[in-house]
Amino acid sequence: MTDLKDILEQDDELNTEELMRYLQGNASDEERFAIEKQMAESTFVNEAIEGLQNFKDPKQVAEYVEQLNRQLQKQTTKKAARKNKRKLKDENWLVIAILAILFLCIAGYFLIHFYSKK
């Protein structure tokens, strides 16, 4: 799914307009038959339509969809921000300091080892 706003799978040929026409009773016989066939085949579609039938006003559905989209956007931006915080920042001075300390440790080891043999 490349589009985050589209929660239906690409194989489902059910779109928002068809769903709203079906719920309002304005769908043609062919559309109604196709939707009912998908309802019989897919529990997801069946439960989605049953849930949408609980709304009395189509404006409520649109508002609810907008609210869900805003919540989804907030959650994804929070996750991305948290992920970016955990990343190591590109700090060259830290790498140079670690390499210098390692070099000093190795040089100290060889000096101690060299003078202890004499």
PDB file of N, CA and C in Angstrom:
ATOM      1  N   MET A   1       0.830  -1.174   0.000  1.00  0.00           N
ATOM      2  CA  MET A   1       0.000   0.000   0.000  1.00  0.00           C
ATOM      3  C   MET A   1       0.876   1.240   0.000  1.00  0.00           C
ATOM      4  N   THR A   2       0.882   1.912  -1.099  1.00  0.00           N
ATOM      5  CA  THR A   2       1.701   3.107  -1.189  1.00  0.00           C
ATOM      6  C   THR A   2       0.978   4.329  -0.656  1.00  0.00           C
ATOM      7  N   ASP A   3      -0.325   4.316  -0.663  1.00  0.00           N
ATOM      8  CA  ASP A   3      -1.092   5.463  -0.185  1.00  0.00           C
ATOM      9  C   ASP A   3      -1.597   5.163   1.214  1.00  0.00           C
ATOM     10  N   LEU A   4      -1.154   5.934   2.202  1.00  0.00           N
ATOM     11  CA  LEU A   4      -1.559   5.680   3.575  1.00  0.00           C
ATOM     12  C   LEU A   4      -3.017   6.035   3.827  1.00  0.00           C
ATOM     13  N   LYS A   5      -3.599   6.861   2.988  1.00  0.00           N
ATOM     14  CA  LYS A   5      -4.991   7.232   3.185  1.00  0.00           C
ATOM     15  C   LYS A   5      -5.938   6.135   2.708  1.00  0.00           C
ATOM     16  N   ASP A   6      -5.471   5.242   1.875  1.00  0.00           N
ATOM     17  CA  ASP A   6      -6.301   4.187   1.325  1.00  0.00           C
ATOM     18  C   ASP A   6      -6.104   2.937   2.163  1.00  0.00           C
ATOM     19  N   ILE A   7      -7.072   2.608   3.029  1.00  0.00           N
ATOM     20  CA  ILE A   7      -6.910   1.462   3.910  1.00  0.00           C
ATOM     21  C   ILE A   7      -7.394   0.170   3.273  1.00  0.00           C
ATOM     22  N   LEU A   8      -8.108   0.270   2.174  1.00  0.00           N
ATOM     23  CA  LEU A   8      -8.547  -0.936   1.493  1.00  0.00           C
ATOM     24  C   LEU A   8      -7.426  -1.466   0.626  1.00  0.00           C
ATOM     25  N   GLU A   9      -7.372  -2.789   0.496  1.00  0.00           N
ATOM     26  CA  GLU A   9      -6.350  -3.389  -0.348  1.00  0.00           C
ATOM     27  C   GLU A   9      -6.649  -3.061  -1.803  1.00  0.00           C
ATOM     28  N   GLN A  10      -5.632  -3.167  -2.627  1.00  0.00           N
ATOM     29  CA  GLN A  10      -5.809  -2.852  -4.039  1.00  0.00           C
ATOM     30  C   GLN A  10      -6.718  -3.866  -4.730  1.00  0.00           C
ATOM     31  N   ASP A  11      -6.788  -5.094  -4.215  1.00  0.00           N
ATOM     32  CA  ASP A  11      -7.649  -6.097  -4.822  1.00  0.00           C
ATOM     33  C   ASP A  11      -9.125  -5.787  -4.570  1.00  0.00           C
ATOM     34  N   ASP A  12      -9.402  -5.114  -3.462  1.00  0.00           N
ATOM     35  CA  ASP A  12     -10.773  -4.723  -3.183  1.00  0.00           C
ATOM     36  C   ASP A  12     -11.134  -3.581  -4.119  1.00  0.00           C
ATOM     37  N   GLU A  13     -12.143  -3.821  -4.933  1.00  0.00           N
ATOM     38  CA  GLU A  13     -12.539  -2.790  -5.886  1.00  0.00           C
ATOM     39  C   GLU A  13     -13.603  -1.894  -5.282  1.00  0.00           C
ATOM     40  N   LEU A  14     -13.614  -1.794  -3.986  1.00  0.00           N
ATOM     41  CA  LEU A  14     -14.598  -0.999  -3.275  1.00  0.00           C
ATOM     42  C   LEU A  14     -13.974   0.340  -2.936  1.00  0.00           C
ATOM     43  N   ASN A  15     -14.606   1.409  -3.373  1.00  0.00           N
ATOM     44  CA  ASN A  15     -14.085   2.721  -3.045  1.00  0.00           C
ATOM     45  C   ASN A  15     -15.079   3.464  -2.162  1.00  0.00           C
ATOM     46  N   THR A  16     -14.689   4.630  -1.721  1.00  0.00           N
ATOM     47  CA  THR A  16     -15.486   5.382  -0.764  1.00  0.00           C
ATOM     48  C   THR A  16     -16.831   5.808  -1.340  1.00  0.00           C
ATOM     49  N   GLU A  17     -16.834   6.232  -2.595  1.00  0.00           N
ATOM     50  CA  GLU A  17     -18.084   6.692  -3.200  1.00  0.00           C
ATOM     51  C   GLU A  17     -19.104   5.557  -3.296  1.00  0.00           C
ATOM     52  N   GLU A  18     -18.638   4.381  -3.728  1.00  0.00           N
ATOM     53  CA  GLU A  18     -19.538   3.229  -3.830  1.00  0.00           C
ATOM     54  C   GLU A  18     -20.084   2.852  -2.461  1.00  0.00           C
ATOM     55  N   LEU A  19     -19.219   2.896  -1.467  1.00  0.00           N
ATOM     56  CA  LEU A  19     -19.636   2.549  -0.120  1.00  0.00           C
ATOM     57  C   LEU A  19     -20.696   3.509   0.396  1.00  0.00           C
ATOM     58  N   MET A  20     -20.506   4.808   0.179  1.00  0.00           N
ATOM     59  CA  MET A  20     -21.472   5.795   0.641  1.00  0.00           C
ATOM     60  C   MET A  20     -22.802   5.659  -0.105  1.00  0.00           C
ATOM     61  N   ARG A  21     -22.743   5.375  -1.425  1.00  0.00           N
ATOM     62  CA  ARG A  21     -23.984   5.169  -2.179  1.00  0.00           C
ATOM     63  C   ARG A  21     -24.727   3.938  -1.662  1.00  0.00           C
ATOM     64  N   TYR A  22     -23.978   2.878  -1.335  1.00  0.00           N
ATOM     65  CA  TYR A  22     -24.596   1.660  -0.814  1.00  0.00           C
ATOM     66  C   TYR A  22     -25.271   1.939   0.528  1.00  0.00           C
ATOM     67  N   LEU A  23     -24.584   2.670   1.395  1.00  0.00           N
ATOM     68  CA  LEU A  23     -25.139   2.952   2.714  1.00  0.00           C
ATOM     69  C   LEU A  23     -26.367   3.865   2.643  1.00  0.00           C
ATOM     70  N   GLN A  24     -26.386   4.768   1.677  1.00  0.00           N
ATOM     71  CA  GLN A  24     -27.521   5.672   1.528  1.00  0.00           C
ATOM     72  C   GLN A  24     -28.662   5.039   0.736  1.00  0.00           C
ATOM     73  N   GLY A  25     -28.396   3.885   0.127  1.00  0.00           N
ATOM     74  CA  GLY A  25     -29.419   3.207  -0.660  1.00  0.00           C
ATOM     75  C   GLY A  25     -29.511   3.719  -2.078  1.00  0.00           C
ATOM     76  N   ASN A  26     -28.528   4.459  -2.535  1.00  0.00           N
ATOM     77  CA  ASN A  26     -28.537   5.028  -3.880  1.00  0.00           C
ATOM     78  C   ASN A  26     -27.735   4.212  -4.885  1.00  0.00           C
ATOM     79  N   ALA A  27     -27.218   3.069  -4.489  1.00  0.00           N
ATOM     80  CA  ALA A  27     -26.384   2.257  -5.376  1.00  0.00           C
ATOM     81  C   ALA A  27     -27.257   1.506  -6.369  1.00  0.00           C
ATOM     82  N   SER A  28     -26.692   1.283  -7.539  1.00  0.00           N
ATOM     83  CA  SER A  28     -27.419   0.511  -8.546  1.00  0.00           C
ATOM     84  C   SER A  28     -27.446  -0.954  -8.113  1.00  0.00           C
ATOM     85  N   ASP A  29     -28.277  -1.731  -8.807  1.00  0.00           N
ATOM     86  CA  ASP A  29     -28.390  -3.152  -8.457  1.00  0.00           C
ATOM     87  C   ASP A  29     -27.067  -3.876  -8.639  1.00  0.00           C
ATOM     88  N   GLU A  30     -26.338  -3.540  -9.699  1.00  0.00           N
ATOM     89  CA  GLU A  30     -25.041  -4.180  -9.948  1.00  0.00           C
ATOM     90  C   GLU A  30     -24.041  -3.842  -8.850  1.00  0.00           C
ATOM     91  N   GLU A  31     -23.993  -2.547  -8.471  1.00  0.00           N
ATOM     92  CA  GLU A  31     -23.071  -2.136  -7.397  1.00  0.00           C
ATOM     93  C   GLU A  31     -23.444  -2.807  -6.085  1.00  0.00           C
ATOM     94  N   ARG A  32     -24.728  -2.841  -5.780  1.00  0.00           N
ATOM     95  CA  ARG A  32     -25.193  -3.467  -4.548  1.00  0.00           C
ATOM     96  C   ARG A  32     -24.825  -4.958  -4.529  1.00  0.00           C
ATOM     97  N   PHE A  33     -25.010  -5.629  -5.658  1.00  0.00           N
ATOM     98  CA  PHE A  33     -24.664  -7.042  -5.747  1.00  0.00           C
ATOM     99  C   PHE A  33     -23.166  -7.256  -5.553  1.00  0.00           C
ATOM    100  N   ALA A  34     -22.352  -6.395  -6.189  1.00  0.00           N
ATOM    101  CA  ALA A  34     -20.898  -6.526  -6.061  1.00  0.00           C
ATOM    102  C   ALA A  34     -20.448  -6.287  -4.617  1.00  0.00           C
ATOM    103  N   ILE A  35     -21.039  -5.293  -3.965  1.00  0.00           N
ATOM    104  CA  ILE A  35     -20.654  -5.007  -2.575  1.00  0.00           C
ATOM    105  C   ILE A  35     -21.089  -6.138  -1.663  1.00  0.00           C
ATOM    106  N   GLU A  36     -22.297  -6.645  -1.862  1.00  0.00           N
ATOM    107  CA  GLU A  36     -22.766  -7.751  -1.024  1.00  0.00           C
ATOM    108  C   GLU A  36     -21.951  -9.013  -1.266  1.00  0.00           C
ATOM    109  N   LYS A  37     -21.483  -9.205  -2.480  1.00  0.00           N
ATOM    110  CA  LYS A  37     -20.611 -10.348  -2.778  1.00  0.00           C
ATOM    111  C   LYS A  37     -19.292 -10.198  -2.026  1.00  0.00           C
ATOM    112  N   GLN A  38     -18.729  -8.979  -2.016  1.00  0.00           N
ATOM    113  CA  GLN A  38     -17.487  -8.746  -1.264  1.00  0.00           C
ATOM    114  C   GLN A  38     -17.712  -8.909   0.227  1.00  0.00           C
ATOM    115  N   MET A  39     -18.892  -8.514   0.695  1.00  0.00           N
ATOM    116  CA  MET A  39     -19.211  -8.692   2.115  1.00  0.00           C
ATOM    117  C   MET A  39     -19.246 -10.171   2.477  1.00  0.00           C
ATOM    118  N   ALA A  40     -19.761 -10.988   1.585  1.00  0.00           N
ATOM    119  CA  ALA A  40     -19.830 -12.419   1.843  1.00  0.00           C
ATOM    120  C   ALA A  40     -18.446 -13.057   1.812  1.00  0.00           C
ATOM    121  N   GLU A  41     -17.567 -12.535   0.962  1.00  0.00           N
ATOM    122  CA  GLU A  41     -16.228 -13.116   0.814  1.00  0.00           C
ATOM    123  C   GLU A  41     -15.246 -12.613   1.871  1.00  0.00           C
ATOM    124  N   SER A  42     -15.419 -11.388   2.316  1.00  0.00           N
ATOM    125  CA  SER A  42     -14.435 -10.782   3.209  1.00  0.00           C
ATOM    126  C   SER A  42     -15.097 -10.333   4.510  1.00  0.00           C
ATOM    127  N   THR A  43     -14.588 -10.832   5.620  1.00  0.00           N
ATOM    128  CA  THR A  43     -15.117 -10.401   6.917  1.00  0.00           C
ATOM    129  C   THR A  43     -14.741  -8.953   7.196  1.00  0.00           C
ATOM    130  N   PHE A  44     -13.619  -8.504   6.644  1.00  0.00           N
ATOM    131  CA  PHE A  44     -13.194  -7.112   6.842  1.00  0.00           C
ATOM    132  C   PHE A  44     -14.206  -6.159   6.220  1.00  0.00           C
ATOM    133  N   VAL A  45     -14.585  -6.424   4.986  1.00  0.00           N
ATOM    134  CA  VAL A  45     -15.546  -5.567   4.296  1.00  0.00           C
ATOM    135  C   VAL A  45     -16.896  -5.643   5.002  1.00  0.00           C
ATOM    136  N   ASN A  46     -17.288  -6.838   5.416  1.00  0.00           N
ATOM    137  CA  ASN A  46     -18.560  -7.016   6.100  1.00  0.00           C
ATOM    138  C   ASN A  46     -18.607  -6.203   7.395  1.00  0.00           C
ATOM    139  N   GLU A  47     -17.574  -6.301   8.198  1.00  0.00           N
ATOM    140  CA  GLU A  47     -17.540  -5.561   9.458  1.00  0.00           C
ATOM    141  C   GLU A  47     -17.420  -4.057   9.226  1.00  0.00           C
ATOM    142  N   ALA A  48     -16.726  -3.662   8.184  1.00  0.00           N
ATOM    143  CA  ALA A  48     -16.605  -2.240   7.878  1.00  0.00           C
ATOM    144  C   ALA A  48     -17.968  -1.656   7.517  1.00  0.00           C
ATOM    145  N   ILE A  49     -18.722  -2.348   6.706  1.00  0.00           N
ATOM    146  CA  ILE A  49     -20.034  -1.844   6.308  1.00  0.00           C
ATOM    147  C   ILE A  49     -20.991  -1.846   7.488  1.00  0.00           C
ATOM    148  N   GLU A  50     -20.940  -2.894   8.319  1.00  0.00           N
ATOM    149  CA  GLU A  50     -21.795  -2.920   9.509  1.00  0.00           C
ATOM    150  C   GLU A  50     -21.461  -1.762  10.443  1.00  0.00           C
ATOM    151  N   GLY A  51     -20.185  -1.459  10.582  1.00  0.00           N
ATOM    152  CA  GLY A  51     -19.787  -0.340  11.431  1.00  0.00           C
ATOM    153  C   GLY A  51     -20.226   0.990  10.857  1.00  0.00           C
ATOM    154  N   LEU A  52     -20.122   1.139   9.541  1.00  0.00           N
ATOM    155  CA  LEU A  52     -20.538   2.389   8.903  1.00  0.00           C
ATOM    156  C   LEU A  52     -22.048   2.580   8.943  1.00  0.00           C
ATOM    157  N   GLN A  53     -22.797   1.489   9.012  1.00  0.00           N
ATOM    158  CA  GLN A  53     -24.252   1.605   9.084  1.00  0.00           C
ATOM    159  C   GLN A  53     -24.700   2.170  10.425  1.00  0.00           C
ATOM    160  N   ASN A  54     -23.843   2.114  11.438  1.00  0.00           N
ATOM    161  CA  ASN A  54     -24.192   2.672  12.746  1.00  0.00           C
ATOM    162  C   ASN A  54     -24.216   4.195  12.733  1.00  0.00           C
ATOM    163  N   PHE A  55     -23.551   4.808  11.773  1.00  0.00           N
ATOM    164  CA  PHE A  55     -23.562   6.266  11.663  1.00  0.00           C
ATOM    165  C   PHE A  55     -24.876   6.693  11.009  1.00  0.00           C
ATOM    166  N   LYS A  56     -25.496   7.685  11.582  1.00  0.00           N
ATOM    167  CA  LYS A  56     -26.775   8.145  11.051  1.00  0.00           C
ATOM    168  C   LYS A  56     -26.600   9.220   9.989  1.00  0.00           C
ATOM    169  N   ASP A  57     -25.560  10.011  10.120  1.00  0.00           N
ATOM    170  CA  ASP A  57     -25.338  11.126   9.206  1.00  0.00           C
ATOM    171  C   ASP A  57     -24.045  10.891   8.430  1.00  0.00           C
ATOM    172  N   PRO A  58     -24.048  11.017   7.113  1.00  0.00           N
ATOM    173  CA  PRO A  58     -22.810  10.829   6.334  1.00  0.00           C
ATOM    174  C   PRO A  58     -21.722  11.832   6.703  1.00  0.00           C
ATOM    175  N   LYS A  59     -22.110  12.994   7.216  1.00  0.00           N
ATOM    176  CA  LYS A  59     -21.117  13.974   7.632  1.00  0.00           C
ATOM    177  C   LYS A  59     -20.302  13.456   8.810  1.00  0.00           C
ATOM    178  N   GLN A  60     -20.958  12.653   9.659  1.00  0.00           N
ATOM    179  CA  GLN A  60     -20.241  12.053  10.792  1.00  0.00           C
ATOM    180  C   GLN A  60     -19.138  11.132  10.295  1.00  0.00           C
ATOM    181  N   VAL A  61     -19.414  10.396   9.244  1.00  0.00           N
ATOM    182  CA  VAL A  61     -18.419   9.478   8.682  1.00  0.00           C
ATOM    183  C   VAL A  61     -17.220  10.265   8.176  1.00  0.00           C
ATOM    184  N   ALA A  62     -17.487  11.356   7.455  1.00  0.00           N
ATOM    185  CA  ALA A  62     -16.391  12.169   6.918  1.00  0.00           C
ATOM    186  C   ALA A  62     -15.571  12.779   8.051  1.00  0.00           C
ATOM    187  N   GLU A  63     -16.230  13.261   9.094  1.00  0.00           N
ATOM    188  CA  GLU A  63     -15.516  13.832  10.237  1.00  0.00           C
ATOM    189  C   GLU A  63     -14.680  12.772  10.949  1.00  0.00           C
ATOM    190  N   TYR A  64     -15.253  11.591  11.078  1.00  0.00           N
ATOM    191  CA  TYR A  64     -14.548  10.503  11.735  1.00  0.00           C
ATOM    192  C   TYR A  64     -13.317  10.081  10.927  1.00  0.00           C
ATOM    193  N   VAL A  65     -13.460  10.042   9.617  1.00  0.00           N
ATOM    194  CA  VAL A  65     -12.330   9.692   8.751  1.00  0.00           C
ATOM    195  C   VAL A  65     -11.233  10.740   8.876  1.00  0.00           C
ATOM    196  N   GLU A  66     -11.612  12.011   8.896  1.00  0.00           N
ATOM    197  CA  GLU A  66     -10.626  13.089   9.070  1.00  0.00           C
ATOM    198  C   GLU A  66      -9.905  12.961  10.405  1.00  0.00           C
ATOM    199  N   GLN A  67     -10.662  12.663  11.447  1.00  0.00           N
ATOM    200  CA  GLN A  67     -10.066  12.499  12.773  1.00  0.00           C
ATOM    201  C   GLN A  67      -9.081  11.331  12.784  1.00  0.00           C
ATOM    202  N   LEU A  68      -9.460  10.222  12.166  1.00  0.00           N
ATOM    203  CA  LEU A  68      -8.558   9.071  12.099  1.00  0.00           C
ATOM    204  C   LEU A  68      -7.299   9.396  11.305  1.00  0.00           C
ATOM    205  N   ASN A  69      -7.449  10.132  10.215  1.00  0.00           N
ATOM    206  CA  ASN A  69      -6.279  10.513   9.415  1.00  0.00           C
ATOM    207  C   ASN A  69      -5.341  11.418  10.204  1.00  0.00           C
ATOM    208  N   ARG A  70      -5.904  12.369  10.979  1.00  0.00           N
ATOM    209  CA  ARG A  70      -5.060  13.236  11.803  1.00  0.00           C
ATOM    210  C   ARG A  70      -4.316  12.431  12.866  1.00  0.00           C
ATOM    211  N   GLN A  71      -5.015  11.494  13.508  1.00  0.00           N
ATOM    212  CA  GLN A  71      -4.366  10.660  14.523  1.00  0.00           C
ATOM    213  C   GLN A  71      -3.267   9.808  13.910  1.00  0.00           C
ATOM    214  N   LEU A  72      -3.533   9.253  12.735  1.00  0.00           N
ATOM    215  CA  LEU A  72      -2.521   8.452  12.056  1.00  0.00           C
ATOM    216  C   LEU A  72      -1.305   9.292  11.713  1.00  0.00           C
ATOM    217  N   GLN A  73      -1.539  10.508  11.235  1.00  0.00           N
ATOM    218  CA  GLN A  73      -0.433  11.409  10.891  1.00  0.00           C
ATOM    219  C   GLN A  73       0.395  11.738  12.133  1.00  0.00           C
ATOM    220  N   LYS A  74      -0.269  12.011  13.268  1.00  0.00           N
ATOM    221  CA  LYS A  74       0.441  12.311  14.511  1.00  0.00           C
ATOM    222  C   LYS A  74       1.303  11.126  14.946  1.00  0.00           C
ATOM    223  N   GLN A  75       0.723   9.926  14.895  1.00  0.00           N
ATOM    224  CA  GLN A  75       1.456   8.741  15.328  1.00  0.00           C
ATOM    225  C   GLN A  75       2.672   8.481  14.444  1.00  0.00           C
ATOM    226  N   THR A  76       2.511   8.634  13.149  1.00  0.00           N
ATOM    227  CA  THR A  76       3.644   8.365  12.271  1.00  0.00           C
ATOM    228  C   THR A  76       4.739   9.412  12.432  1.00  0.00           C
ATOM    229  N   THR A  77       4.360  10.673  12.671  1.00  0.00           N
ATOM    230  CA  THR A  77       5.393  11.692  12.879  1.00  0.00           C
ATOM    231  C   THR A  77       6.082  11.495  14.220  1.00  0.00           C
ATOM    232  N   LYS A  78       5.348  11.049  15.237  1.00  0.00           N
ATOM    233  CA  LYS A  78       5.974  10.760  16.537  1.00  0.00           C
ATOM    234  C   LYS A  78       6.982   9.623  16.399  1.00  0.00           C
ATOM    235  N   LYS A  79       6.587   8.580  15.684  1.00  0.00           N
ATOM    236  CA  LYS A  79       7.495   7.446  15.494  1.00  0.00           C
ATOM    237  C   LYS A  79       8.748   7.872  14.746  1.00  0.00           C
ATOM    238  N   ALA A  80       8.570   8.681  13.718  1.00  0.00           N
ATOM    239  CA  ALA A  80       9.724   9.145  12.946  1.00  0.00           C
ATOM    240  C   ALA A  80      10.626  10.028  13.800  1.00  0.00           C
ATOM    241  N   ALA A  81      10.039  10.877  14.629  1.00  0.00           N
ATOM    242  CA  ALA A  81      10.843  11.743  15.495  1.00  0.00           C
ATOM    243  C   ALA A  81      11.605  10.913  16.521  1.00  0.00           C
ATOM    244  N   ARG A  82      10.939   9.918  17.105  1.00  0.00           N
ATOM    245  CA  ARG A  82      11.614   9.043  18.071  1.00  0.00           C
ATOM    246  C   ARG A  82      12.754   8.273  17.416  1.00  0.00           C
ATOM    247  N   LYS A  83      12.517   7.824  16.197  1.00  0.00           N
ATOM    248  CA  LYS A  83      13.542   7.080  15.473  1.00  0.00           C
ATOM    249  C   LYS A  83      14.747   7.971  15.175  1.00  0.00           C
ATOM    250  N   ASN A  84      14.494   9.212  14.810  1.00  0.00           N
ATOM    251  CA  ASN A  84      15.587  10.145  14.529  1.00  0.00           C
ATOM    252  C   ASN A  84      16.360  10.501  15.781  1.00  0.00           C
ATOM    253  N   LYS A  85      15.707  10.543  16.932  1.00  0.00           N
ATOM    254  CA  LYS A  85      16.400  10.845  18.182  1.00  0.00           C
ATOM    255  C   LYS A  85      17.375   9.736  18.550  1.00  0.00           C
ATOM    256  N   ARG A  86      16.999   8.497  18.243  1.00  0.00           N
ATOM    257  CA  ARG A  86      17.851   7.357  18.596  1.00  0.00           C
ATOM    258  C   ARG A  86      19.070   7.223  17.696  1.00  0.00           C
ATOM    259  N   LYS A  87      19.030   7.834  16.542  1.00  0.00           N
ATOM    260  CA  LYS A  87      20.163   7.744  15.624  1.00  0.00           C
ATOM    261  C   LYS A  87      21.373   8.473  16.198  1.00  0.00           C
ATOM    262  N   LEU A  88      22.544   7.943  15.905  1.00  0.00           N
ATOM    263  CA  LEU A  88      23.762   8.640  16.284  1.00  0.00           C
ATOM    264  C   LEU A  88      23.959   9.797  15.333  1.00  0.00           C
ATOM    265  N   LYS A  89      24.165  10.925  15.893  1.00  0.00           N
ATOM    266  CA  LYS A  89      24.382  12.100  15.062  1.00  0.00           C
ATOM    267  C   LYS A  89      25.805  12.064  14.521  1.00  0.00           C
ATOM    268  N   ASP A  90      25.990  12.671  13.405  1.00  0.00           N
ATOM    269  CA  ASP A  90      27.294  12.694  12.762  1.00  0.00           C
ATOM    270  C   ASP A  90      28.184  13.697  13.493  1.00  0.00           C
ATOM    271  N   GLU A  91      28.920  13.197  14.475  1.00  0.00           N
ATOM    272  CA  GLU A  91      29.795  14.061  15.270  1.00  0.00           C
ATOM    273  C   GLU A  91      31.241  13.627  15.046  1.00  0.00           C
ATOM    274  N   ASN A  92      31.918  14.366  14.209  1.00  0.00           N
ATOM    275  CA  ASN A  92      33.287  14.017  13.847  1.00  0.00           C
ATOM    276  C   ASN A  92      34.239  14.131  15.025  1.00  0.00           C
ATOM    277  N   TRP A  93      34.019  15.099  15.905  1.00  0.00           N
ATOM    278  CA  TRP A  93      34.936  15.282  17.034  1.00  0.00           C
ATOM    279  C   TRP A  93      34.899  14.086  17.969  1.00  0.00           C
ATOM    280  N   LEU A  94      33.738  13.424  18.084  1.00  0.00           N
ATOM    281  CA  LEU A  94      33.625  12.251  18.941  1.00  0.00           C
ATOM    282  C   LEU A  94      34.444  11.092  18.369  1.00  0.00           C
ATOM    283  N   VAL A  95      34.388  10.898  17.072  1.00  0.00           N
ATOM    284  CA  VAL A  95      35.151   9.830  16.428  1.00  0.00           C
ATOM    285  C   VAL A  95      36.649  10.098  16.563  1.00  0.00           C
ATOM    286  N   ILE A  96      37.041  11.351  16.381  1.00  0.00           N
ATOM    287  CA  ILE A  96      38.455  11.706  16.500  1.00  0.00           C
ATOM    288  C   ILE A  96      38.941  11.491  17.935  1.00  0.00           C
ATOM    289  N   ALA A  97      38.134  11.848  18.923  1.00  0.00           N
ATOM    290  CA  ALA A  97      38.518  11.667  20.325  1.00  0.00           C
ATOM    291  C   ALA A  97      38.666  10.184  20.664  1.00  0.00           C
ATOM    292  N   ILE A  98      37.758   9.362  20.183  1.00  0.00           N
ATOM    293  CA  ILE A  98      37.839   7.916  20.453  1.00  0.00           C
ATOM    294  C   ILE A  98      39.078   7.332  19.796  1.00  0.00           C
ATOM    295  N   LEU A  99      39.355   7.723  18.566  1.00  0.00           N
ATOM    296  CA  LEU A  99      40.554   7.221  17.892  1.00  0.00           C
ATOM    297  C   LEU A  99      41.828   7.682  18.604  1.00  0.00           C
ATOM    298  N   ALA A 100      41.847   8.919  19.087  1.00  0.00           N
ATOM    299  CA  ALA A 100      43.023   9.414  19.815  1.00  0.00           C
ATOM    300  C   ALA A 100      43.230   8.636  21.108  1.00  0.00           C
ATOM    301  N   ILE A 101      42.159   8.364  21.837  1.00  0.00           N
ATOM    302  CA  ILE A 101      42.272   7.596  23.082  1.00  0.00           C
ATOM    303  C   ILE A 101      42.762   6.184  22.794  1.00  0.00           C
ATOM    304  N   LEU A 102      42.228   5.559  21.751  1.00  0.00           N
ATOM    305  CA  LEU A 102      42.695   4.219  21.384  1.00  0.00           C
ATOM    306  C   LEU A 102      44.175   4.235  21.005  1.00  0.00           C
ATOM    307  N   PHE A 103      44.594   5.239  20.247  1.00  0.00           N
ATOM    308  CA  PHE A 103      45.996   5.353  19.870  1.00  0.00           C
ATOM    309  C   PHE A 103      46.886   5.519  21.098  1.00  0.00           C
ATOM    310  N   LEU A 104      46.467   6.356  22.045  1.00  0.00           N
ATOM    311  CA  LEU A 104      47.239   6.549  23.277  1.00  0.00           C
ATOM    312  C   LEU A 104      47.306   5.274  24.106  1.00  0.00           C
ATOM    313  N   CYS A 105      46.231   4.530  24.164  1.00  0.00           N
ATOM    314  CA  CYS A 105      46.223   3.257  24.904  1.00  0.00           C
ATOM    315  C   CYS A 105      47.186   2.251  24.268  1.00  0.00           C
ATOM    316  N   ILE A 106      47.135   2.143  22.958  1.00  0.00           N
ATOM    317  CA  ILE A 106      48.034   1.205  22.267  1.00  0.00           C
ATOM    318  C   ILE A 106      49.479   1.636  22.419  1.00  0.00           C
ATOM    319  N   ALA A 107      49.739   2.930  22.266  1.00  0.00           N
ATOM    320  CA  ALA A 107      51.105   3.434  22.431  1.00  0.00           C
ATOM    321  C   ALA A 107      51.586   3.204  23.871  1.00  0.00           C
ATOM    322  N   GLY A 108      50.724   3.438  24.849  1.00  0.00           N
ATOM    323  CA  GLY A 108      51.079   3.190  26.255  1.00  0.00           C
ATOM    324  C   GLY A 108      51.376   1.722  26.502  1.00  0.00           C
ATOM    325  N   TYR A 109      50.592   0.836  25.925  1.00  0.00           N
ATOM    326  CA  TYR A 109      50.829  -0.607  26.092  1.00  0.00           C
ATOM    327  C   TYR A 109      52.203  -0.989  25.543  1.00  0.00           C
ATOM    328  N   PHE A 110      52.517  -0.529  24.328  1.00  0.00           N
ATOM    329  CA  PHE A 110      53.813  -0.874  23.744  1.00  0.00           C
ATOM    330  C   PHE A 110      54.963  -0.271  24.549  1.00  0.00           C
ATOM    331  N   LEU A 111      54.821   0.946  25.039  1.00  0.00           N
ATOM    332  CA  LEU A 111      55.874   1.558  25.855  1.00  0.00           C
ATOM    333  C   LEU A 111      56.085   0.779  27.144  1.00  0.00           C
ATOM    334  N   ILE A 112      55.017   0.423  27.823  1.00  0.00           N
ATOM    335  CA  ILE A 112      55.141  -0.352  29.070  1.00  0.00           C
ATOM    336  C   ILE A 112      55.737  -1.717  28.767  1.00  0.00           C
ATOM    337  N   HIS A 113      55.270  -2.358  27.718  1.00  0.00           N
ATOM    338  CA  HIS A 113      55.776  -3.675  27.347  1.00  0.00           C
ATOM    339  C   HIS A 113      57.260  -3.593  26.966  1.00  0.00           C
ATOM    340  N   PHE A 114      57.663  -2.556  26.245  1.00  0.00           N
ATOM    341  CA  PHE A 114      59.027  -2.389  25.809  1.00  0.00           C
ATOM    342  C   PHE A 114      59.966  -2.144  27.010  1.00  0.00           C
ATOM    343  N   TYR A 115      59.575  -1.259  27.947  1.00  0.00           N
ATOM    344  CA  TYR A 115      60.433  -0.956  29.103  1.00  0.00           C
ATOM    345  C   TYR A 115      60.430  -2.058  30.147  1.00  0.00           C
ATOM    346  N   SER A 116      59.390  -2.890  30.163  1.00  0.00           N
ATOM    347  CA  SER A 116      59.383  -3.987  31.159  1.00  0.00           C
ATOM    348  C   SER A 116      60.315  -5.109  30.741  1.00  0.00           C
ATOM    349  N   LYS A 117      60.654  -5.265  29.492  1.00  0.00           N
ATOM    350  CA  LYS A 117      61.578  -6.309  29.030  1.00  0.00           C
ATOM    351  C   LYS A 117      63.014  -5.924  29.325  1.00  0.00           C
ATOM    352  N   LYS A 118      63.342  -4.651  29.419  1.00  0.00           N
ATOM    353  CA  LYS A 118      64.723  -4.209  29.625  1.00  0.00           C
ATOM    354  C   LYS A 118      65.111  -4.380  31.015  1.00  0.00           C
TER     355      LYS A 118
END
